[in-house]
C-alpha atoms as a PDB file:
ATOM      1  CA  MET A   1     -14.756 -23.767  65.071  1.00  0.00           C
ATOM      2  CA  ASP A   2     -15.318 -21.487  62.076  1.00  0.00           C
ATOM      3  CA  LYS A   3     -14.810 -23.738  59.071  1.00  0.00           C
ATOM      4  CA  ARG A   4     -14.098 -20.836  56.930  1.00  0.00           C
ATOM      5  CA  ILE A   5     -10.535 -20.694  58.456  1.00  0.00           C
ATOM      6  CA  ILE A   6      -9.690 -23.896  56.866  1.00  0.00           C
ATOM      7  CA  GLN A   7      -8.689 -23.499  53.190  1.00  0.00           C
ATOM      8  CA  ILE A   8      -7.480 -26.578  51.474  1.00  0.00           C
ATOM      9  CA  THR A   9      -5.965 -26.414  47.969  1.00  0.00           C
ATOM     10  CA  SER A  10      -8.555 -27.077  45.254  1.00  0.00           C
ATOM     11  CA  GLY A  11      -6.850 -30.220  44.047  1.00  0.00           C
ATOM     12  CA  LEU A  12      -6.414 -31.793  47.483  1.00  0.00           C
ATOM     13  CA  ALA A  13      -9.167 -34.254  47.092  1.00  0.00           C
ATOM     14  CA  ALA A  14      -7.763 -35.404  43.860  1.00  0.00           C
ATOM     15  CA  MET A  15      -4.285 -35.729  45.290  1.00  0.00           C
ATOM     16  CA  LEU A  16      -4.978 -37.899  48.230  1.00  0.00           C
ATOM     17  CA  LEU A  17      -2.466 -40.503  48.368  1.00  0.00           C
ATOM     18  CA  LEU A  18      -3.724 -43.789  47.301  1.00  0.00           C
ATOM     19  CA  VAL A  19      -1.782 -46.590  49.267  1.00  0.00           C
ATOM     20  CA  PRO A  20      -2.629 -50.302  48.601  1.00  0.00           C
ATOM     21  CA  SER A  21      -3.213 -52.838  51.424  1.00  0.00           C
ATOM     22  CA  CYS A  22      -0.493 -55.574  51.633  1.00  0.00           C
ATOM     23  CA  SER A  23      -0.412 -59.099  52.077  1.00  0.00           C
ATOM     24  CA  VAL A  24       2.306 -60.784  54.139  1.00  0.00           C
ATOM     25  CA  LYS A  25       3.906 -62.076  50.920  1.00  0.00           C
ATOM     26  CA  GLU A  26       4.451 -58.604  49.370  1.00  0.00           C
ATOM     27  CA  GLU A  27       7.339 -56.338  49.531  1.00  0.00           C
ATOM     28  CA  ARG A  28       6.714 -54.311  52.623  1.00  0.00           C
ATOM     29  CA  GLY A  29       8.394 -51.014  51.373  1.00  0.00           C
ATOM     30  CA  GLU A  30       5.445 -50.627  49.012  1.00  0.00           C
ATOM     31  CA  CYS A  31       2.903 -50.814  51.810  1.00  0.00           C
ATOM     32  CA  PRO A  32       1.575 -47.985  53.920  1.00  0.00           C
ATOM     33  CA  VAL A  33       2.193 -47.266  57.465  1.00  0.00           C
ATOM     34  CA  TYR A  34      -0.933 -46.678  59.590  1.00  0.00           C
ATOM     35  CA  VAL A  35      -0.273 -43.754  61.620  1.00  0.00           C
ATOM     36  CA  THR A  36      -2.334 -43.128  64.881  1.00  0.00           C
ATOM     37  CA  VAL A  37      -2.274 -39.577  66.108  1.00  0.00           C
ATOM     38  CA  LEU A  38      -3.316 -39.288  69.788  1.00  0.00           C
ATOM     39  CA  THR A  39      -4.713 -35.858  70.668  1.00  0.00           C
ATOM     40  CA  ASP A  40      -5.556 -36.416  74.246  1.00  0.00           C
ATOM     41  CA  ARG A  41      -2.924 -33.954  75.370  1.00  0.00           C
ATOM     42  CA  PHE A  42      -4.772 -31.115  73.402  1.00  0.00           C
ATOM     43  CA  ILE A  43      -7.912 -31.971  75.531  1.00  0.00           C
ATOM     44  CA  GLN A  44      -5.867 -31.700  78.624  1.00  0.00           C
ATOM     45  CA  SER A  45      -4.727 -28.229  77.564  1.00  0.00           C
ATOM     46  CA  GLY A  46      -8.419 -27.197  77.160  1.00  0.00           C
ATOM     47  CA  TYR A  47      -8.942 -27.563  73.473  1.00  0.00           C
ATOM     48  CA  SER A  48     -11.789 -29.870  72.271  1.00  0.00           C
ATOM     49  CA  ASP A  49     -11.543 -29.540  68.651  1.00  0.00           C
ATOM     50  CA  GLY A  50      -8.949 -28.786  65.858  1.00  0.00           C
ATOM     51  CA  ILE A  51      -7.189 -29.919  62.724  1.00  0.00           C
ATOM     52  CA  VAL A  52      -5.276 -32.962  61.903  1.00  0.00           C
ATOM     53  CA  SER A  53      -3.204 -32.831  58.669  1.00  0.00           C
ATOM     54  CA  PHE A  54      -0.857 -35.239  56.756  1.00  0.00           C
ATOM     55  CA  HIS A  55       1.508 -34.503  53.922  1.00  0.00           C
ATOM     56  CA  SER A  56       4.249 -36.333  52.025  1.00  0.00           C
ATOM     57  CA  LEU A  57       5.441 -35.159  48.718  1.00  0.00           C
ATOM     58  CA  GLU A  58       1.928 -33.910  48.249  1.00  0.00           C
ATOM     59  CA  PRO A  59      -1.119 -33.578  50.478  1.00  0.00           C
ATOM     60  CA  ILE A  60      -2.476 -36.774  51.987  1.00  0.00           C
ATOM     61  CA  ASP A  61      -5.476 -35.683  54.159  1.00  0.00           C
ATOM     62  CA  ARG A  62      -6.657 -32.815  56.374  1.00  0.00           C
ATOM     63  CA  GLU A  63      -9.685 -32.910  58.518  1.00  0.00           C
ATOM     64  CA  ALA A  64     -11.277 -30.802  61.211  1.00  0.00           C
ATOM     65  CA  ILE A  65     -12.204 -33.083  64.123  1.00  0.00           C
ATOM     66  CA  SER A  66     -13.443 -33.186  67.492  1.00  0.00           C
ATOM     67  CA  PHE A  67     -10.618 -34.254  69.973  1.00  0.00           C
ATOM     68  CA  LEU A  68     -13.271 -35.694  72.296  1.00  0.00           C
ATOM     69  CA  SER A  69     -14.347 -38.232  69.616  1.00  0.00           C
ATOM     70  CA  TYR A  70     -10.940 -39.702  69.612  1.00  0.00           C
ATOM     71  CA  ILE A  71     -10.042 -40.084  73.273  1.00  0.00           C
ATOM     72  CA  GLY A  72      -7.758 -42.988  73.837  1.00  0.00           C
ATOM     73  CA  LYS A  73      -7.934 -44.323  70.321  1.00  0.00           C
ATOM     74  CA  GLY A  74      -6.442 -41.443  68.283  1.00  0.00           C
ATOM     75  CA  PHE A  75      -6.963 -40.459  64.632  1.00  0.00           C
ATOM     76  CA  ARG A  76      -5.801 -43.050  62.155  1.00  0.00           C
ATOM     77  CA  GLN A  77      -4.313 -42.372  58.750  1.00  0.00           C
ATOM     78  CA  ALA A  78      -2.408 -44.365  56.014  1.00  0.00           C
ATOM     79  CA  CYS A  79       0.917 -42.742  55.073  1.00  0.00           C
ATOM     80  CA  PRO A  80       3.965 -43.721  52.985  1.00  0.00           C
ATOM     81  CA  ARG A  81       6.681 -45.462  54.936  1.00  0.00           C
ATOM     82  CA  ASP A  82       9.661 -43.456  53.439  1.00  0.00           C
ATOM     83  CA  TYR A  83       8.469 -39.916  54.209  1.00  0.00           C
ATOM     84  CA  ALA A  84       5.552 -38.277  55.734  1.00  0.00           C
ATOM     85  CA  ARG A  85       4.548 -35.480  58.059  1.00  0.00           C
ATOM     86  CA  ALA A  86       1.689 -35.108  60.518  1.00  0.00           C
ATOM     87  CA  ALA A  87       0.339 -31.933  62.208  1.00  0.00           C
ATOM     88  CA  VAL A  88      -2.291 -31.004  64.735  1.00  0.00           C
ATOM     89  CA  LEU A  89      -3.445 -27.469  65.330  1.00  0.00           C
ATOM     90  CA  SER A  90      -6.162 -25.904  67.515  1.00  0.00           C
ATOM     91  CA  GLY A  91      -7.161 -22.364  68.476  1.00  0.00           C
ATOM     92  CA  LEU A  92      -7.381 -21.037  64.864  1.00  0.00           C
ATOM     93  CA  GLU A  93      -9.365 -17.920  64.140  1.00  0.00           C
ATOM     94  CA  TYR A  94      -8.767 -16.049  61.045  1.00  0.00           C
ATOM     95  CA  GLU A  95      -5.804 -18.084  59.841  1.00  0.00           C
ATOM     96  CA  ARG A  96      -5.763 -19.683  56.381  1.00  0.00           C
ATOM     97  CA  ILE A  97      -3.963 -22.940  55.568  1.00  0.00           C
ATOM     98  CA  ASP A  98      -2.581 -24.247  52.267  1.00  0.00           C
ATOM     99  CA  ALA A  99      -0.690 -27.379  51.591  1.00  0.00           C
ATOM    100  CA  THR A 100       2.047 -26.840  54.276  1.00  0.00           C
ATOM    101  CA  THR A 101       1.649 -23.188  55.486  1.00  0.00           C
ATOM    102  CA  LEU A 102      -0.587 -21.351  57.918  1.00  0.00           C
ATOM    103  CA  TYR A 103      -0.760 -17.598  57.556  1.00  0.00           C
ATOM    104  CA  VAL A 104      -2.818 -14.695  59.011  1.00  0.00           C
ATOM    105  CA  PRO A 105      -4.415 -12.215  56.501  1.00  0.00           C
ATOM    106  CA  TYR A 106      -3.256  -8.675  56.786  1.00  0.00           C
ATOM    107  CA  GLY A 107      -5.055  -6.665  59.356  1.00  0.00           C
ATOM    108  CA  ARG A 108      -6.541  -9.676  61.107  1.00  0.00           C
ATOM    109  CA  GLN A 109      -5.405 -10.687  64.651  1.00  0.00           C
ATOM    110  CA  ALA A 110      -3.814 -14.025  65.030  1.00  0.00           C
ATOM    111  CA  GLY A 111      -5.560 -16.799  66.982  1.00  0.00           C
ATOM    112  CA  ARG A 112      -4.112 -18.282  70.047  1.00  0.00           C
ATOM    113  CA  VAL A 113      -2.753 -21.348  68.178  1.00  0.00           C
ATOM    114  CA  TRP A 114      -1.374 -24.472  69.798  1.00  0.00           C
ATOM    115  CA  SER A 115       0.156 -27.047  67.410  1.00  0.00           C
ATOM    116  CA  TYR A 116       2.273 -30.097  67.106  1.00  0.00           C
ATOM    117  CA  GLY A 117       4.268 -31.243  63.931  1.00  0.00           C
ATOM    118  CA  GLU A 118       6.467 -34.313  63.237  1.00  0.00           C
ATOM    119  CA  THR A 119       8.245 -35.849  60.255  1.00  0.00           C
ATOM    120  CA  PHE A 120       8.712 -39.486  60.177  1.00  0.00           C
ATOM    121  CA  SER A 121      10.157 -42.325  58.264  1.00  0.00           C
ATOM    122  CA  VAL A 122       9.279 -45.913  59.630  1.00  0.00           C
ATOM    123  CA  GLN A 123       9.537 -49.555  58.592  1.00  0.00           C
ATOM    124  CA  GLU A 124       6.738 -50.861  60.978  1.00  0.00           C
ATOM    125  CA  ASP A 125       3.106 -51.356  59.851  1.00  0.00           C
ATOM    126  CA  GLU A 126       1.801 -49.062  62.623  1.00  0.00           C
ATOM    127  CA  TYR A 127       3.248 -45.920  64.154  1.00  0.00           C
ATOM    128  CA  ARG A 128       1.823 -43.834  67.124  1.00  0.00           C
ATOM    129  CA  ILE A 129       2.357 -40.102  67.480  1.00  0.00           C
ATOM    130  CA  GLU A 130       1.400 -38.576  70.780  1.00  0.00           C
ATOM    131  CA  ALA A 131       0.670 -34.980  69.779  1.00  0.00           C
ATOM    132  CA  MET A 132       2.105 -32.472  72.504  1.00  0.00           C
ATOM    133  CA  PRO A 133       0.639 -29.055  72.039  1.00  0.00           C
ATOM    134  CA  HIS A 134       3.051 -26.127  71.837  1.00  0.00           C
ATOM    135  CA  LYS A 135       2.058 -22.430  72.010  1.00  0.00           C
ATOM    136  CA  GLN A 136       2.756 -20.646  68.835  1.00  0.00           C
ATOM    137  CA  TYR A 137       1.830 -17.050  69.969  1.00  0.00           C
ATOM    138  CA  CYS A 138       2.801 -14.313  72.279  1.00  0.00           C
ATOM    139  CA  LEU A 139      -0.144 -12.564  73.954  1.00  0.00           C
ATOM    140  CA  VAL A 140       0.765  -8.958  74.574  1.00  0.00           C
ATOM    141  CA  LYS A 141      -1.363  -7.368  77.482  1.00  0.00           C
ATOM    142  CA  PHE A 142      -1.629  -3.745  77.808  1.00  0.00           C
ATOM    143  CA  LEU A 143      -1.967  -2.250  81.324  1.00  0.00           C
ATOM    144  CA  PHE A 144      -3.030   1.299  82.208  1.00  0.00           C
ATOM    145  CA  GLY A 145      -1.346   1.797  85.619  1.00  0.00           C
ATOM    146  CA  ASP A 146      -2.328  -1.395  87.443  1.00  0.00           C
ATOM    147  CA  SER A 147      -5.460  -1.904  85.476  1.00  0.00           C
ATOM    148  CA  ALA A 148      -6.251  -3.922  82.409  1.00  0.00           C
ATOM    149  CA  GLN A 149      -8.857  -1.264  81.376  1.00  0.00           C
ATOM    150  CA  ALA A 150      -8.126   2.141  80.048  1.00  0.00           C
ATOM    151  CA  PRO A 151     -10.042   5.203  81.192  1.00  0.00           C
ATOM    152  CA  ALA A 152     -13.157   5.784  79.228  1.00  0.00           C
ATOM    153  CA  ASP A 153     -11.941   8.776  77.629  1.00  0.00           C
ATOM    154  CA  TYR A 154      -8.582   7.417  76.609  1.00  0.00           C
ATOM    155  CA  PRO A 155      -7.595   8.868  73.156  1.00  0.00           C
ATOM    156  CA  TRP A 156      -5.166   6.409  71.797  1.00  0.00           C
ATOM    157  CA  ARG A 157      -5.162   3.063  70.002  1.00  0.00           C
ATOM    158  CA  PHE A 158      -2.239   0.910  69.048  1.00  0.00           C
ATOM    159  CA  ARG A 159      -1.162  -1.123  66.144  1.00  0.00           C
ATOM    160  CA  ILE A 160       1.636  -3.816  66.330  1.00  0.00           C
ATOM    161  CA  ARG A 161       3.547  -4.603  63.163  1.00  0.00           C
ATOM    162  CA  ALA A 162       5.739  -7.714  62.854  1.00  0.00           C
ATOM    163  CA  ALA A 163       7.817  -9.422  59.982  1.00  0.00           C
ATOM    164  CA  CYS A 164       6.180 -12.831  60.190  1.00  0.00           C
ATOM    165  CA  ASN A 165       2.687 -13.656  59.637  1.00  0.00           C
ATOM    166  CA  GLY A 166       2.639 -17.422  59.302  1.00  0.00           C
ATOM    167  CA  MET A 167       4.377 -20.636  59.834  1.00  0.00           C
ATOM    168  CA  ASN A 168       4.999 -24.059  58.304  1.00  0.00           C
ATOM    169  CA  ILE A 169       2.469 -26.250  60.142  1.00  0.00           C
ATOM    170  CA  TYR A 170       4.889 -29.420  60.142  1.00  0.00           C
ATOM    171  CA  SER A 171       8.113 -27.836  61.261  1.00  0.00           C
ATOM    172  CA  MET A 172       6.580 -24.953  63.265  1.00  0.00           C
ATOM    173  CA  GLU A 173       9.057 -22.635  61.519  1.00  0.00           C
ATOM    174  CA  ALA A 174       7.882 -19.034  61.283  1.00  0.00           C
ATOM    175  CA  LEU A 175       7.495 -17.688  57.763  1.00  0.00           C
ATOM    176  CA  GLU A 176       8.086 -14.066  56.644  1.00  0.00           C
ATOM    177  CA  GLY A 177       5.096 -11.907  55.799  1.00  0.00           C
ATOM    178  CA  GLU A 178       3.643  -8.483  56.880  1.00  0.00           C
ATOM    179  CA  TYR A 179       1.556  -8.819  60.126  1.00  0.00           C
ATOM    180  CA  CYS A 180      -0.417  -5.999  61.475  1.00  0.00           C
ATOM    181  CA  CYS A 181      -2.744  -6.254  64.574  1.00  0.00           C
ATOM    182  CA  THR A 182      -4.870  -3.310  65.876  1.00  0.00           C
ATOM    183  CA  VAL A 183      -5.049  -3.190  69.765  1.00  0.00           C
ATOM    184  CA  GLY A 184      -8.188  -1.878  71.450  1.00  0.00           C
ATOM    185  CA  PRO A 185     -10.621  -2.915  74.129  1.00  0.00           C
ATOM    186  CA  ASP A 186     -12.444  -6.197  73.825  1.00  0.00           C
ATOM    187  CA  ALA A 187     -15.882  -6.968  75.139  1.00  0.00           C
ATOM    188  CA  ALA A 188     -14.563  -7.048  78.640  1.00  0.00           C
ATOM    189  CA  GLY A 189     -12.704  -3.647  78.092  1.00  0.00           C
ATOM    190  CA  GLU A 190      -9.185  -5.301  78.277  1.00  0.00           C
ATOM    191  CA  TRP A 191      -6.611  -4.534  75.652  1.00  0.00           C
ATOM    192  CA  TYR A 192      -4.400  -7.109  74.025  1.00  0.00           C
ATOM    193  CA  CYS A 193      -2.749  -8.302  70.885  1.00  0.00           C
ATOM    194  CA  VAL A 194      -1.768 -11.723  69.728  1.00  0.00           C
ATOM    195  CA  ILE A 195       1.518 -12.003  67.841  1.00  0.00           C
ATOM    196  CA  PRO A 196       2.309 -15.158  66.053  1.00  0.00           C
ATOM    197  CA  ARG A 197       5.620 -16.859  66.133  1.00  0.00           C
ATOM    198  CA  GLN A 198       8.443 -14.622  64.749  1.00  0.00           C
ATOM    199  CA  LYS A 199      12.091 -15.217  63.678  1.00  0.00           C
ATOM    200  CA  GLN A 200      13.407 -12.278  65.641  1.00  0.00           C
ATOM    201  CA  ASN A 201      12.432  -9.369  67.630  1.00  0.00           C
ATOM    202  CA  ASP A 202      11.471  -7.157  64.827  1.00  0.00           C
ATOM    203  CA  LEU A 203       8.287  -5.386  66.026  1.00  0.00           C
ATOM    204  CA  GLN A 204       6.984  -1.947  65.943  1.00  0.00           C
ATOM    205  CA  LEU A 205       4.344  -0.297  68.074  1.00  0.00           C
ATOM    206  CA  GLU A 206       2.345   2.417  66.447  1.00  0.00           C
ATOM    207  CA  VAL A 207       0.336   4.924  68.526  1.00  0.00           C
ATOM    208  CA  PHE A 208      -2.567   6.611  66.760  1.00  0.00           C
ATOM    209  CA  ALA A 209      -5.785   8.441  67.377  1.00  0.00           C
ATOM    210  CA  PRO A 210      -8.496   6.575  65.586  1.00  0.00           C
ATOM    211  CA  GLU A 211     -10.559   8.154  62.815  1.00  0.00           C
ATOM    212  CA  ALA A 212     -14.224   8.783  63.127  1.00  0.00           C
ATOM    213  CA  GLY A 213     -16.120   5.699  62.299  1.00  0.00           C
ATOM    214  CA  SER A 214     -13.049   3.496  62.406  1.00  0.00           C
ATOM    215  CA  ALA A 215     -11.294   2.073  65.413  1.00  0.00           C
ATOM    216  CA  SER A 216      -8.387   0.721  63.322  1.00  0.00           C
ATOM    217  CA  GLU A 217      -7.409   3.492  61.190  1.00  0.00           C
ATOM    218  CA  GLY A 218      -5.528   6.710  61.959  1.00  0.00           C
ATOM    219  CA  ARG A 219      -2.382   8.482  61.374  1.00  0.00           C
ATOM    220  CA  THR A 220       0.578   7.183  63.343  1.00  0.00           C
ATOM    221  CA  GLU A 221       1.543   9.929  66.020  1.00  0.00           C
ATOM    222  CA  TYR A 222       4.302   7.909  67.818  1.00  0.00           C
ATOM    223  CA  LEU A 223       6.433   5.039  66.799  1.00  0.00           C
ATOM    224  CA  VAL A 224       8.017   2.718  69.366  1.00  0.00           C
ATOM    225  CA  ASP A 225      10.707   0.032  68.571  1.00  0.00           C
ATOM    226  CA  LEU A 226       8.874  -2.686  70.461  1.00  0.00           C
ATOM    227  CA  GLY A 227      11.280  -5.343  69.337  1.00  0.00           C
ATOM    228  CA  ALA A 228      14.318  -3.619  70.803  1.00  0.00           C
ATOM    229  CA  ARG A 229      12.404  -3.796  74.277  1.00  0.00           C
ATOM    230  CA  PHE A 230      11.666  -7.444  73.647  1.00  0.00           C
ATOM    231  CA  GLU A 231      15.403  -7.981  72.955  1.00  0.00           C
ATOM    232  CA  GLU A 232      16.472  -6.271  76.157  1.00  0.00           C
ATOM    233  CA  LYS A 233      14.133  -8.614  78.121  1.00  0.00           C
ATOM    234  CA  GLY A 234      15.826 -11.568  76.366  1.00  0.00           C
ATOM    235  CA  TYR A 235      12.685 -12.661  74.561  1.00  0.00           C
ATOM    236  CA  ASP A 236      13.382 -15.787  72.657  1.00  0.00           C
ATOM    237  CA  TRP A 237      10.998 -16.695  69.696  1.00  0.00           C
ATOM    238  CA  SER A 238      12.795 -19.942  69.252  1.00  0.00           C
ATOM    239  CA  GLN A 239      11.277 -21.463  72.436  1.00  0.00           C
ATOM    240  CA  PRO A 240       8.933 -24.460  71.793  1.00  0.00           C
ATOM    241  CA  ASP A 241       6.179 -22.588  73.979  1.00  0.00           C
ATOM    242  CA  LEU A 242       6.275 -18.795  73.563  1.00  0.00           C
ATOM    243  CA  ALA A 243       5.787 -16.552  76.649  1.00  0.00           C
ATOM    244  CA  ASP A 244       3.509 -13.684  77.090  1.00  0.00           C
ATOM    245  CA  ILE A 245       4.448 -10.058  77.542  1.00  0.00           C
ATOM    246  CA  ALA A 246       2.724  -7.177  79.464  1.00  0.00           C
ATOM    247  CA  VAL A 247       3.085  -3.533  78.176  1.00  0.00           C
ATOM    248  CA  LYS A 248       2.372  -0.597  80.571  1.00  0.00           C
ATOM    249  CA  VAL A 249       1.132   2.542  78.888  1.00  0.00           C
ATOM    250  CA  GLY A 250       0.382   5.897  79.855  1.00  0.00           C
ATOM    251  CA  LEU A 251       0.273   9.609  79.106  1.00  0.00           C
ATOM    252  CA  THR A 252       3.006  12.028  80.226  1.00  0.00           C
ATOM    253  CA  SER A 253       3.842  15.764  79.544  1.00  0.00           C
ATOM    254  CA  THR A 254       5.936  14.718  76.500  1.00  0.00           C
ATOM    255  CA  GLY A 255       3.372  12.235  75.006  1.00  0.00           C
ATOM    256  CA  ILE A 256       3.366   8.617  75.475  1.00  0.00           C
ATOM    257  CA  GLN A 257       5.132   6.400  78.067  1.00  0.00           C
ATOM    258  CA  ILE A 258       5.634   2.855  77.464  1.00  0.00           C
ATOM    259  CA  GLU A 259       6.972   0.206  79.847  1.00  0.00           C
ATOM    260  CA  VAL A 260       7.704  -3.412  78.880  1.00  0.00           C
ATOM    261  CA  LEU A 261       7.428  -5.813  81.703  1.00  0.00           C
ATOM    262  CA  ASP A 262       8.757  -9.266  82.326  1.00  0.00           C
ATOM    263  CA  TRP A 263       6.975 -11.911  80.502  1.00  0.00           C
ATOM    264  CA  MET A 264       3.912 -13.683  82.375  1.00  0.00           C
ATOM    265  CA  GLY A 265       4.762 -16.675  84.627  1.00  0.00           C
ATOM    266  CA  ASP A 266       5.904 -15.693  88.065  1.00  0.00           C
ATOM    267  CA  ASP A 267       3.559 -12.821  88.775  1.00  0.00           C
ATOM    268  CA  SER A 268       6.328 -10.352  89.122  1.00  0.00           C
ATOM    269  CA  TYR A 269       7.136  -7.785  86.730  1.00  0.00           C
ATOM    270  CA  ARG A 270      10.280  -5.457  86.489  1.00  0.00           C
ATOM    271  CA  SER A 271       9.407  -2.321  84.544  1.00  0.00           C
ATOM    272  CA  ILE A 272      11.548  -0.974  81.678  1.00  0.00           C
ATOM    273  CA  GLU A 273      10.699   2.544  80.745  1.00  0.00           C
ATOM    274  CA  ILE A 274      11.354   3.471  76.944  1.00  0.00           C
END
């Protein structure tokens, strides 16, 4: 994992919550609860490393860890009994994280992030959390006819704009901010864009011819209300695990033809032309 994606506020080390150990004679409310976060489910989903983070009224701790190093035993952290939060994240790429928020810088593509968050208040000395990964992104795949690869001389590129570019890592609530992702062929020649969790179907698809020397810049020639097509398909951004979408594109005598297909899952797609 690229450690540059992890940004912890400069005062975090100084703000680590200091919790005393307690004897059996002391008032238990002043003692910490020792929280064990199990990350085995992330391993089962194909992720071998990620971030564990803890927060109360201020940051407690955040670490990049190998999930493989904690199989069966979990990651253990002292937290206050009255109120604390824990989060596990994996699949980050260009994301930045501050005390409670993850966000994608403008112009960068979101990572395929899976996460778990929990808020708790406990009276016991020990508390266990089984972190269940949830999919925080929609993968938009572009199809050209029945192919995931465009013709070699295909003149167009795409940008997707959205109204949310981040989320609260503990509640997984989408947070407003301008998101812009440029779509083009990857190393395998396949076209896709990753959209982070949104509050609603507020999406725009821009079609442009790239400028010389830049695959991401160019004047918008066509603008498509992609969110309206998501809405027609019944796409729900409040689901714990977000579905993927396929978009079929092509050239017509009038310009661009766009079809939004059913989200991935059952290998059958019903086309909608817009």
